[in-house]
Amino acid sequence: MKKTVLAIVGILALVVTMSGCGYNTMVKLDEDVKAKWNQVETQYQRRSDLIPNLVNTVKGAAKFEQATLTQVTEARAKATQITIDPDKLTPENIEKFQAAQGQVSQALSRLLMVTENYPQLKATEQFRDVSAELAGTENRIAVARKDFNESIQLYNTKIRSFPTNIMAGIFGFGQKAGFKAEAGAEKAPKVEF
């Protein structure tokens, strides 16, 4: 009888201790990171979906540099092939994803710079609409990346804080990586007229 009471008290003490260990909070934060990652991917997918419209608009309205169009199309193809499992948000995986998306951004920048030489193209309603959609999508990407990095910070802070770090180690919660500034972002772009 005494052993049964001690066993029940021991189980209750274990349940109370485990409920305060932060496991549920770590799960919640991990799920938030995954949800924010899905938003990042959604916004990049939105951009990828707009690129063929932009390329076709430019193709149809101007005798264009084929190499620039090819670069945009190839960069888009490479970027859409890279997907990351939200459970594997390692610095290496984020870096690969970011590099592929950076190539798309660079190719789009070159394309938009070249279109400056075609005032009749910039005057078309379709080009203006697609360009505006693309600009809005770039803003959405920036917001999604910011939200993702903030959720990563909350998650990493929680799993590294004492005493939660002990339970995080026991249950396999590891640090996750966020986005970093693109290489060369610290330098202001050079504008020449």
N, C-alpha and C. Protein backbone atom coordinates (compact mmCIF):
# COMPACT_ATOMS: atom_id res chain seq x y z
N MET A 1 0.81 -1.18 0.00
CA MET A 1 0.00 0.00 0.00
C MET A 1 0.87 1.26 0.00
N LYS A 2 1.89 1.26 0.84
CA LYS A 2 2.79 2.40 0.93
C LYS A 2 3.53 2.59 -0.39
N LYS A 3 3.92 1.48 -1.03
CA LYS A 3 4.64 1.55 -2.31
C LYS A 3 3.73 2.11 -3.40
N THR A 4 2.47 1.75 -3.37
CA THR A 4 1.51 2.24 -4.36
C THR A 4 1.33 3.74 -4.22
N VAL A 5 1.19 4.21 -3.01
CA VAL A 5 1.03 5.65 -2.75
C VAL A 5 2.29 6.39 -3.20
N LEU A 6 3.45 5.85 -2.89
CA LEU A 6 4.71 6.47 -3.31
C LEU A 6 4.83 6.48 -4.83
N ALA A 7 4.40 5.41 -5.47
CA ALA A 7 4.46 5.34 -6.94
C ALA A 7 3.54 6.39 -7.55
N ILE A 8 2.33 6.54 -6.99
CA ILE A 8 1.38 7.54 -7.51
C ILE A 8 1.92 8.94 -7.29
N VAL A 9 2.46 9.20 -6.12
CA VAL A 9 3.05 10.51 -5.83
C VAL A 9 4.23 10.76 -6.77
N GLY A 10 5.03 9.75 -7.00
CA GLY A 10 6.17 9.87 -7.91
C GLY A 10 5.73 10.18 -9.33
N ILE A 11 4.70 9.51 -9.80
CA ILE A 11 4.17 9.75 -11.16
C ILE A 11 3.60 11.16 -11.26
N LEU A 12 2.86 11.57 -10.24
CA LEU A 12 2.30 12.93 -10.24
C LEU A 12 3.42 13.98 -10.23
N ALA A 13 4.46 13.74 -9.45
CA ALA A 13 5.59 14.67 -9.41
C ALA A 13 6.28 14.74 -10.78
N LEU A 14 6.40 13.60 -11.43
CA LEU A 14 7.02 13.55 -12.75
C LEU A 14 6.17 14.31 -13.77
N VAL A 15 4.85 14.13 -13.72
CA VAL A 15 3.94 14.82 -14.65
C VAL A 15 4.03 16.33 -14.43
N VAL A 16 4.02 16.76 -13.17
CA VAL A 16 4.11 18.19 -12.87
C VAL A 16 5.46 18.75 -13.34
N THR A 17 6.51 18.01 -13.09
CA THR A 17 7.84 18.44 -13.52
C THR A 17 7.92 18.53 -15.03
N MET A 18 7.41 17.53 -15.72
CA MET A 18 7.47 17.51 -17.18
C MET A 18 6.60 18.60 -17.80
N SER A 19 5.49 18.92 -17.16
CA SER A 19 4.61 19.96 -17.72
C SER A 19 5.28 21.32 -17.66
N GLY A 20 6.20 21.50 -16.77
CA GLY A 20 6.91 22.76 -16.64
C GLY A 20 8.25 22.77 -17.36
N CYS A 21 8.53 21.73 -18.11
CA CYS A 21 9.85 21.62 -18.75
C CYS A 21 9.98 22.44 -20.02
N GLY A 22 8.88 22.94 -20.53
CA GLY A 22 8.94 23.74 -21.75
C GLY A 22 8.76 22.96 -23.03
N TYR A 23 8.48 21.66 -22.92
CA TYR A 23 8.33 20.84 -24.13
C TYR A 23 7.23 21.39 -25.04
N ASN A 24 6.08 21.66 -24.47
CA ASN A 24 4.96 22.15 -25.29
C ASN A 24 5.29 23.49 -25.94
N THR A 25 5.99 24.33 -25.22
CA THR A 25 6.39 25.62 -25.78
C THR A 25 7.38 25.41 -26.93
N MET A 26 8.31 24.48 -26.76
CA MET A 26 9.26 24.20 -27.84
C MET A 26 8.54 23.67 -29.07
N VAL A 27 7.56 22.81 -28.88
CA VAL A 27 6.79 22.29 -30.00
C VAL A 27 6.05 23.43 -30.69
N LYS A 28 5.43 24.28 -29.91
CA LYS A 28 4.69 25.43 -30.47
C LYS A 28 5.62 26.33 -31.28
N LEU A 29 6.78 26.64 -30.74
CA LEU A 29 7.73 27.50 -31.45
C LEU A 29 8.28 26.82 -32.70
N ASP A 30 8.51 25.51 -32.63
CA ASP A 30 8.97 24.76 -33.79
C ASP A 30 7.92 24.80 -34.91
N GLU A 31 6.67 24.64 -34.53
CA GLU A 31 5.58 24.69 -35.52
C GLU A 31 5.45 26.09 -36.11
N ASP A 32 5.69 27.11 -35.30
CA ASP A 32 5.65 28.49 -35.80
C ASP A 32 6.76 28.71 -36.82
N VAL A 33 7.95 28.19 -36.54
CA VAL A 33 9.06 28.30 -37.49
C VAL A 33 8.67 27.62 -38.81
N LYS A 34 8.08 26.45 -38.74
CA LYS A 34 7.67 25.73 -39.95
C LYS A 34 6.61 26.52 -40.73
N ALA A 35 5.67 27.10 -40.02
CA ALA A 35 4.63 27.89 -40.69
C ALA A 35 5.24 29.12 -41.37
N LYS A 36 6.16 29.77 -40.70
CA LYS A 36 6.80 30.95 -41.28
C LYS A 36 7.66 30.54 -42.48
N TRP A 37 8.30 29.38 -42.40
CA TRP A 37 9.09 28.89 -43.54
C TRP A 37 8.17 28.64 -44.74
N ASN A 38 7.00 28.08 -44.48
CA ASN A 38 6.04 27.85 -45.56
C ASN A 38 5.64 29.17 -46.22
N GLN A 39 5.52 30.23 -45.44
CA GLN A 39 5.19 31.54 -46.01
C GLN A 39 6.34 32.06 -46.88
N VAL A 40 7.58 31.84 -46.44
CA VAL A 40 8.73 32.24 -47.26
C VAL A 40 8.67 31.52 -48.60
N GLU A 41 8.49 30.20 -48.55
CA GLU A 41 8.43 29.42 -49.79
C GLU A 41 7.25 29.86 -50.67
N THR A 42 6.13 30.18 -50.06
CA THR A 42 4.96 30.62 -50.81
C THR A 42 5.25 31.90 -51.57
N GLN A 43 5.91 32.84 -50.92
CA GLN A 43 6.21 34.12 -51.59
C GLN A 43 7.25 33.93 -52.71
N TYR A 44 8.23 33.07 -52.48
CA TYR A 44 9.20 32.80 -53.55
C TYR A 44 8.51 32.08 -54.71
N GLN A 45 7.56 31.20 -54.40
CA GLN A 45 6.82 30.52 -55.46
C GLN A 45 5.98 31.52 -56.25
N ARG A 46 5.41 32.47 -55.55
CA ARG A 46 4.64 33.53 -56.22
C ARG A 46 5.52 34.27 -57.21
N ARG A 47 6.74 34.58 -56.79
CA ARG A 47 7.67 35.26 -57.69
C ARG A 47 8.00 34.38 -58.88
N SER A 48 8.26 33.11 -58.62
CA SER A 48 8.57 32.18 -59.71
C SER A 48 7.42 32.07 -60.70
N ASP A 49 6.21 32.13 -60.19
CA ASP A 49 5.04 32.05 -61.07
C ASP A 49 4.89 33.31 -61.93
N LEU A 50 5.36 34.45 -61.45
CA LEU A 50 5.26 35.69 -62.21
C LEU A 50 6.33 35.81 -63.30
N ILE A 51 7.45 35.14 -63.11
CA ILE A 51 8.57 35.30 -64.04
C ILE A 51 8.21 34.93 -65.48
N PRO A 52 7.54 33.80 -65.74
CA PRO A 52 7.19 33.50 -67.14
C PRO A 52 6.33 34.59 -67.78
N ASN A 53 5.43 35.19 -67.01
CA ASN A 53 4.61 36.28 -67.55
C ASN A 53 5.48 37.47 -67.92
N LEU A 54 6.44 37.79 -67.07
CA LEU A 54 7.33 38.91 -67.35
C LEU A 54 8.18 38.62 -68.58
N VAL A 55 8.76 37.43 -68.63
CA VAL A 55 9.60 37.05 -69.76
C VAL A 55 8.80 37.08 -71.06
N ASN A 56 7.61 36.53 -71.05
CA ASN A 56 6.78 36.51 -72.27
C ASN A 56 6.36 37.92 -72.69
N THR A 57 6.09 38.76 -71.72
CA THR A 57 5.73 40.15 -72.02
C THR A 57 6.90 40.86 -72.70
N VAL A 58 8.07 40.67 -72.14
CA VAL A 58 9.26 41.31 -72.71
C VAL A 58 9.56 40.74 -74.09
N LYS A 59 9.48 39.43 -74.22
CA LYS A 59 9.72 38.77 -75.51
C LYS A 59 8.79 39.30 -76.58
N GLY A 60 7.52 39.44 -76.22
CA GLY A 60 6.52 39.84 -77.19
C GLY A 60 6.58 41.30 -77.56
N ALA A 61 7.15 42.14 -76.72
CA ALA A 61 7.11 43.57 -76.96
C ALA A 61 8.41 44.15 -77.49
N ALA A 62 9.48 43.40 -77.47
CA ALA A 62 10.76 43.96 -77.91
C ALA A 62 11.65 42.87 -78.49
N LYS A 63 12.49 43.29 -79.40
CA LYS A 63 13.56 42.40 -79.87
C LYS A 63 14.60 42.46 -78.77
N PHE A 64 14.66 41.42 -78.00
CA PHE A 64 15.36 41.49 -76.73
C PHE A 64 16.63 40.66 -76.72
N GLU A 65 17.48 40.98 -75.77
CA GLU A 65 18.69 40.19 -75.56
C GLU A 65 18.28 38.80 -75.11
N GLN A 66 18.47 37.83 -75.97
CA GLN A 66 18.07 36.46 -75.66
C GLN A 66 18.84 35.92 -74.45
N ALA A 67 20.10 36.31 -74.31
CA ALA A 67 20.91 35.81 -73.19
C ALA A 67 20.30 36.22 -71.84
N THR A 68 19.79 37.43 -71.75
CA THR A 68 19.19 37.89 -70.50
C THR A 68 17.94 37.10 -70.17
N LEU A 69 17.11 36.86 -71.18
CA LEU A 69 15.90 36.06 -70.97
C LEU A 69 16.24 34.64 -70.55
N THR A 70 17.26 34.09 -71.18
CA THR A 70 17.70 32.73 -70.86
C THR A 70 18.20 32.66 -69.42
N GLN A 71 18.96 33.66 -68.99
CA GLN A 71 19.48 33.68 -67.62
C GLN A 71 18.34 33.71 -66.61
N VAL A 72 17.33 34.49 -66.88
CA VAL A 72 16.19 34.58 -65.96
C VAL A 72 15.49 33.24 -65.88
N THR A 73 15.24 32.64 -67.04
CA THR A 73 14.53 31.36 -67.09
C THR A 73 15.34 30.26 -66.40
N GLU A 74 16.64 30.22 -66.64
CA GLU A 74 17.49 29.19 -66.03
C GLU A 74 17.58 29.38 -64.50
N ALA A 75 17.73 30.63 -64.07
CA ALA A 75 17.80 30.90 -62.62
C ALA A 75 16.51 30.48 -61.94
N ARG A 76 15.39 30.75 -62.58
CA ARG A 76 14.09 30.36 -62.02
C ARG A 76 13.99 28.84 -61.92
N ALA A 77 14.42 28.15 -62.97
CA ALA A 77 14.36 26.69 -62.98
C ALA A 77 15.19 26.09 -61.85
N LYS A 78 16.40 26.62 -61.66
CA LYS A 78 17.27 26.12 -60.59
C LYS A 78 16.66 26.39 -59.21
N ALA A 79 16.12 27.59 -59.05
CA ALA A 79 15.58 27.97 -57.74
C ALA A 79 14.36 27.14 -57.37
N THR A 80 13.53 26.80 -58.34
CA THR A 80 12.32 26.03 -58.02
C THR A 80 12.64 24.57 -57.72
N GLN A 81 13.84 24.13 -58.04
CA GLN A 81 14.22 22.74 -57.73
C GLN A 81 14.71 22.58 -56.30
N ILE A 82 15.05 23.67 -55.66
CA ILE A 82 15.57 23.60 -54.29
C ILE A 82 14.43 23.79 -53.30
N THR A 83 14.17 22.74 -52.55
CA THR A 83 13.19 22.84 -51.46
C THR A 83 13.86 22.32 -50.20
N ILE A 84 13.44 22.86 -49.09
CA ILE A 84 14.03 22.47 -47.81
C ILE A 84 12.93 21.99 -46.89
N ASP A 85 13.16 20.84 -46.31
CA ASP A 85 12.27 20.31 -45.28
C ASP A 85 12.38 21.23 -44.07
N PRO A 86 11.26 21.73 -43.54
CA PRO A 86 11.33 22.63 -42.39
C PRO A 86 12.03 22.03 -41.17
N ASP A 87 12.13 20.72 -41.10
CA ASP A 87 12.86 20.09 -39.99
C ASP A 87 14.37 20.12 -40.21
N LYS A 88 14.80 20.54 -41.41
CA LYS A 88 16.23 20.56 -41.73
C LYS A 88 16.68 21.96 -42.12
N LEU A 89 16.33 22.93 -41.29
CA LEU A 89 16.71 24.32 -41.55
C LEU A 89 18.11 24.58 -41.01
N THR A 90 19.08 23.93 -41.64
CA THR A 90 20.47 24.09 -41.24
C THR A 90 21.06 25.30 -41.96
N PRO A 91 22.15 25.85 -41.46
CA PRO A 91 22.78 26.97 -42.15
C PRO A 91 23.15 26.63 -43.61
N GLU A 92 23.58 25.40 -43.83
CA GLU A 92 23.97 25.00 -45.19
C GLU A 92 22.76 24.98 -46.13
N ASN A 93 21.65 24.42 -45.66
CA ASN A 93 20.44 24.36 -46.50
C ASN A 93 19.88 25.75 -46.77
N ILE A 94 19.86 26.60 -45.75
CA ILE A 94 19.37 27.97 -45.94
C ILE A 94 20.28 28.70 -46.93
N GLU A 95 21.57 28.48 -46.81
CA GLU A 95 22.53 29.14 -47.70
C GLU A 95 22.31 28.71 -49.16
N LYS A 96 22.08 27.42 -49.39
CA LYS A 96 21.80 26.93 -50.75
C LYS A 96 20.53 27.56 -51.30
N PHE A 97 19.49 27.58 -50.48
CA PHE A 97 18.22 28.16 -50.89
C PHE A 97 18.39 29.63 -51.21
N GLN A 98 19.06 30.34 -50.32
CA GLN A 98 19.26 31.78 -50.48
C GLN A 98 20.11 32.07 -51.72
N ALA A 99 21.12 31.25 -51.98
CA ALA A 99 21.97 31.46 -53.16
C ALA A 99 21.16 31.30 -54.45
N ALA A 100 20.32 30.28 -54.50
CA ALA A 100 19.49 30.06 -55.69
C ALA A 100 18.51 31.21 -55.89
N GLN A 101 17.90 31.66 -54.81
CA GLN A 101 16.96 32.78 -54.92
C GLN A 101 17.70 34.07 -55.26
N GLY A 102 18.93 34.20 -54.79
CA GLY A 102 19.75 35.37 -55.12
C GLY A 102 20.06 35.43 -56.61
N GLN A 103 20.29 34.27 -57.21
CA GLN A 103 20.53 34.23 -58.66
C GLN A 103 19.30 34.69 -59.42
N VAL A 104 18.12 34.32 -58.94
CA VAL A 104 16.88 34.78 -59.58
C VAL A 104 16.78 36.30 -59.45
N SER A 105 17.06 36.81 -58.27
CA SER A 105 16.99 38.26 -58.04
C SER A 105 17.96 39.00 -58.96
N GLN A 106 19.18 38.49 -59.08
CA GLN A 106 20.16 39.13 -59.96
C GLN A 106 19.73 39.09 -61.41
N ALA A 107 19.21 37.96 -61.86
CA ALA A 107 18.76 37.83 -63.24
C ALA A 107 17.59 38.78 -63.51
N LEU A 108 16.67 38.87 -62.57
CA LEU A 108 15.54 39.79 -62.73
C LEU A 108 16.02 41.24 -62.76
N SER A 109 16.98 41.57 -61.93
CA SER A 109 17.53 42.93 -61.93
C SER A 109 18.13 43.28 -63.28
N ARG A 110 18.90 42.34 -63.83
CA ARG A 110 19.49 42.57 -65.17
C ARG A 110 18.39 42.75 -66.21
N LEU A 111 17.37 41.91 -66.14
CA LEU A 111 16.26 42.00 -67.09
C LEU A 111 15.58 43.36 -67.00
N LEU A 112 15.30 43.81 -65.78
CA LEU A 112 14.62 45.08 -65.60
C LEU A 112 15.52 46.25 -66.00
N MET A 113 16.83 46.12 -65.80
CA MET A 113 17.75 47.18 -66.23
C MET A 113 17.76 47.28 -67.75
N VAL A 114 17.77 46.15 -68.43
CA VAL A 114 17.79 46.16 -69.89
C VAL A 114 16.49 46.71 -70.45
N THR A 115 15.38 46.47 -69.77
CA THR A 115 14.10 46.97 -70.27
C THR A 115 14.05 48.50 -70.26
N GLU A 116 14.93 49.13 -69.49
CA GLU A 116 14.99 50.60 -69.49
C GLU A 116 15.26 51.14 -70.89
N ASN A 117 15.91 50.36 -71.74
CA ASN A 117 16.23 50.79 -73.10
C ASN A 117 15.04 50.68 -74.05
N TYR A 118 13.92 50.19 -73.55
CA TYR A 118 12.75 49.97 -74.39
C TYR A 118 11.55 50.74 -73.83
N PRO A 119 11.47 52.06 -74.13
CA PRO A 119 10.37 52.85 -73.56
C PRO A 119 9.00 52.34 -74.01
N GLN A 120 8.90 51.79 -75.23
CA GLN A 120 7.60 51.29 -75.68
C GLN A 120 7.18 50.08 -74.86
N LEU A 121 8.14 49.30 -74.37
CA LEU A 121 7.83 48.14 -73.53
C LEU A 121 7.32 48.62 -72.17
N LYS A 122 8.02 49.60 -71.58
CA LYS A 122 7.62 50.10 -70.27
C LYS A 122 6.24 50.75 -70.32
N ALA A 123 5.84 51.20 -71.52
CA ALA A 123 4.55 51.86 -71.66
C ALA A 123 3.39 50.87 -71.77
N THR A 124 3.68 49.59 -72.03
CA THR A 124 2.58 48.64 -72.19
C THR A 124 1.95 48.32 -70.84
N GLU A 125 0.65 48.19 -70.85
CA GLU A 125 -0.10 47.92 -69.63
C GLU A 125 0.30 46.57 -69.01
N GLN A 126 0.50 45.58 -69.87
CA GLN A 126 0.84 44.25 -69.36
C GLN A 126 2.19 44.28 -68.63
N PHE A 127 3.18 44.96 -69.19
CA PHE A 127 4.48 45.04 -68.55
C PHE A 127 4.38 45.78 -67.21
N ARG A 128 3.64 46.88 -67.20
CA ARG A 128 3.47 47.64 -65.95
C ARG A 128 2.80 46.77 -64.89
N ASP A 129 1.76 46.03 -65.29
CA ASP A 129 1.05 45.18 -64.33
C ASP A 129 1.95 44.09 -63.75
N VAL A 130 2.67 43.40 -64.63
CA VAL A 130 3.54 42.32 -64.17
C VAL A 130 4.67 42.89 -63.31
N SER A 131 5.23 44.03 -63.71
CA SER A 131 6.30 44.67 -62.93
C SER A 131 5.80 45.06 -61.55
N ALA A 132 4.58 45.61 -61.48
CA ALA A 132 4.01 45.99 -60.19
C ALA A 132 3.77 44.76 -59.31
N GLU A 133 3.28 43.69 -59.91
CA GLU A 133 3.07 42.44 -59.16
C GLU A 133 4.40 41.92 -58.62
N LEU A 134 5.42 41.99 -59.45
CA LEU A 134 6.74 41.51 -59.05
C LEU A 134 7.30 42.36 -57.91
N ALA A 135 7.15 43.68 -58.00
CA ALA A 135 7.62 44.56 -56.94
C ALA A 135 6.87 44.27 -55.63
N GLY A 136 5.57 44.07 -55.72
CA GLY A 136 4.79 43.73 -54.53
C GLY A 136 5.22 42.40 -53.93
N THR A 137 5.53 41.46 -54.80
CA THR A 137 5.97 40.14 -54.33
C THR A 137 7.33 40.24 -53.64
N GLU A 138 8.22 41.06 -54.17
CA GLU A 138 9.53 41.26 -53.52
C GLU A 138 9.33 41.81 -52.11
N ASN A 139 8.38 42.72 -51.95
CA ASN A 139 8.08 43.23 -50.60
C ASN A 139 7.53 42.13 -49.71
N ARG A 140 6.66 41.29 -50.25
CA ARG A 140 6.10 40.18 -49.47
C ARG A 140 7.20 39.20 -49.06
N ILE A 141 8.15 38.97 -49.96
CA ILE A 141 9.29 38.09 -49.64
C ILE A 141 10.08 38.68 -48.47
N ALA A 142 10.34 39.98 -48.52
CA ALA A 142 11.10 40.62 -47.45
C ALA A 142 10.37 40.48 -46.11
N VAL A 143 9.07 40.67 -46.11
CA VAL A 143 8.28 40.55 -44.87
C VAL A 143 8.30 39.09 -44.38
N ALA A 144 8.12 38.15 -45.29
CA ALA A 144 8.11 36.73 -44.91
C ALA A 144 9.46 36.31 -44.34
N ARG A 145 10.54 36.79 -44.94
CA ARG A 145 11.88 36.46 -44.43
C ARG A 145 12.09 37.07 -43.04
N LYS A 146 11.63 38.31 -42.85
CA LYS A 146 11.75 38.96 -41.54
C LYS A 146 10.96 38.18 -40.49
N ASP A 147 9.73 37.83 -40.81
CA ASP A 147 8.91 37.05 -39.87
C ASP A 147 9.55 35.71 -39.55
N PHE A 148 10.10 35.06 -40.57
CA PHE A 148 10.77 33.78 -40.38
C PHE A 148 11.97 33.94 -39.44
N ASN A 149 12.80 34.95 -39.69
CA ASN A 149 13.97 35.16 -38.83
C ASN A 149 13.56 35.47 -37.40
N GLU A 150 12.48 36.21 -37.21
CA GLU A 150 12.01 36.48 -35.85
C GLU A 150 11.54 35.21 -35.15
N SER A 151 10.86 34.32 -35.89
CA SER A 151 10.41 33.07 -35.27
C SER A 151 11.60 32.16 -34.96
N ILE A 152 12.62 32.19 -35.81
CA ILE A 152 13.85 31.43 -35.54
C ILE A 152 14.51 31.96 -34.27
N GLN A 153 14.55 33.27 -34.13
CA GLN A 153 15.17 33.85 -32.94
C GLN A 153 14.44 33.43 -31.67
N LEU A 154 13.12 33.47 -31.68
CA LEU A 154 12.35 33.03 -30.51
C LEU A 154 12.61 31.57 -30.19
N TYR A 155 12.57 30.74 -31.22
CA TYR A 155 12.78 29.31 -31.06
C TYR A 155 14.18 29.03 -30.49
N ASN A 156 15.21 29.59 -31.15
CA ASN A 156 16.59 29.34 -30.72
C ASN A 156 16.84 29.87 -29.31
N THR A 157 16.25 31.01 -28.96
CA THR A 157 16.39 31.56 -27.61
C THR A 157 15.79 30.60 -26.59
N LYS A 158 14.63 30.08 -26.90
CA LYS A 158 13.95 29.17 -25.97
C LYS A 158 14.76 27.89 -25.76
N ILE A 159 15.23 27.28 -26.84
CA ILE A 159 15.91 25.98 -26.67
C ILE A 159 17.32 26.13 -26.10
N ARG A 160 17.86 27.35 -26.10
CA ARG A 160 19.19 27.56 -25.55
C ARG A 160 19.14 28.09 -24.11
N SER A 161 17.95 28.45 -23.61
CA SER A 161 17.81 29.01 -22.27
C SER A 161 17.70 27.90 -21.23
N PHE A 162 18.29 28.15 -20.07
CA PHE A 162 18.23 27.18 -18.97
C PHE A 162 16.90 27.31 -18.27
N PRO A 163 16.25 26.29 -17.89
CA PRO A 163 16.56 24.86 -17.94
C PRO A 163 16.00 24.17 -19.19
N THR A 164 15.35 24.95 -20.06
CA THR A 164 14.74 24.35 -21.25
C THR A 164 15.78 23.68 -22.13
N ASN A 165 17.01 24.20 -22.11
CA ASN A 165 18.05 23.61 -22.96
C ASN A 165 18.30 22.13 -22.62
N ILE A 166 18.09 21.77 -21.39
CA ILE A 166 18.27 20.36 -20.99
C ILE A 166 17.20 19.50 -21.66
N MET A 167 15.95 19.94 -21.57
CA MET A 167 14.86 19.19 -22.19
C MET A 167 14.97 19.24 -23.72
N ALA A 168 15.42 20.35 -24.26
CA ALA A 168 15.58 20.45 -25.71
C ALA A 168 16.58 19.40 -26.20
N GLY A 169 17.66 19.24 -25.45
CA GLY A 169 18.65 18.23 -25.81
C GLY A 169 18.09 16.82 -25.70
N ILE A 170 17.34 16.57 -24.66
CA ILE A 170 16.75 15.25 -24.46
C ILE A 170 15.77 14.92 -25.57
N PHE A 171 14.94 15.89 -25.96
CA PHE A 171 13.90 15.65 -26.96
C PHE A 171 14.35 15.94 -28.39
N GLY A 172 15.59 16.32 -28.58
CA GLY A 172 16.12 16.49 -29.94
C GLY A 172 15.78 17.80 -30.63
N PHE A 173 15.49 18.83 -29.87
CA PHE A 173 15.25 20.14 -30.47
C PHE A 173 16.60 20.82 -30.68
N GLY A 174 16.96 21.03 -31.94
CA GLY A 174 18.24 21.68 -32.25
C GLY A 174 18.03 23.06 -32.81
N GLN A 175 19.11 23.83 -32.84
CA GLN A 175 19.04 25.18 -33.39
C GLN A 175 18.70 25.15 -34.87
N LYS A 176 18.05 26.20 -35.33
CA LYS A 176 17.69 26.35 -36.73
C LYS A 176 18.36 27.61 -37.25
N ALA A 177 18.57 27.64 -38.56
CA ALA A 177 19.24 28.78 -39.18
C ALA A 177 18.23 29.68 -39.86
N GLY A 178 18.52 30.96 -39.86
CA GLY A 178 17.68 31.94 -40.53
C GLY A 178 18.40 32.52 -41.73
N PHE A 179 17.76 33.48 -42.36
CA PHE A 179 18.35 34.16 -43.51
C PHE A 179 19.38 35.17 -43.04
N LYS A 180 20.40 35.35 -43.85
CA LYS A 180 21.43 36.36 -43.61
C LYS A 180 21.44 37.28 -44.81
N ALA A 181 22.09 38.41 -44.66
CA ALA A 181 22.21 39.35 -45.78
C ALA A 181 22.97 38.69 -46.92
N GLU A 182 22.60 39.04 -48.13
CA GLU A 182 23.28 38.53 -49.32
C GLU A 182 24.72 39.02 -49.32
N ALA A 183 25.60 38.26 -49.90
CA ALA A 183 27.00 38.68 -50.03
C ALA A 183 27.05 39.98 -50.83
N GLY A 184 27.77 40.95 -50.31
CA GLY A 184 27.90 42.23 -51.00
C GLY A 184 26.80 43.22 -50.65
N ALA A 185 25.84 42.81 -49.81
CA ALA A 185 24.73 43.70 -49.47
C ALA A 185 25.18 44.89 -48.64
N GLU A 186 26.35 44.78 -48.02
CA GLU A 186 26.84 45.88 -47.19
C GLU A 186 27.32 47.06 -48.03
N LYS A 187 27.54 46.84 -49.33
CA LYS A 187 28.00 47.90 -50.22
C LYS A 187 26.81 48.52 -50.94
N ALA A 188 26.78 49.83 -50.96
CA ALA A 188 25.69 50.52 -51.67
C ALA A 188 25.90 50.34 -53.17
N PRO A 189 24.78 50.14 -53.92
CA PRO A 189 24.92 49.99 -55.36
C PRO A 189 25.41 51.29 -55.99
N LYS A 190 26.21 51.15 -57.02
CA LYS A 190 26.77 52.31 -57.72
C LYS A 190 25.80 52.72 -58.82
N VAL A 191 25.39 53.96 -58.80
CA VAL A 191 24.49 54.49 -59.80
C VAL A 191 25.26 55.46 -60.68
N GLU A 192 25.23 55.18 -61.97
CA GLU A 192 25.94 56.03 -62.93
C GLU A 192 24.99 56.49 -64.00
N PHE A 193 25.13 57.76 -64.40
CA PHE A 193 24.32 58.32 -65.47
C PHE A 193 25.20 58.68 -66.65
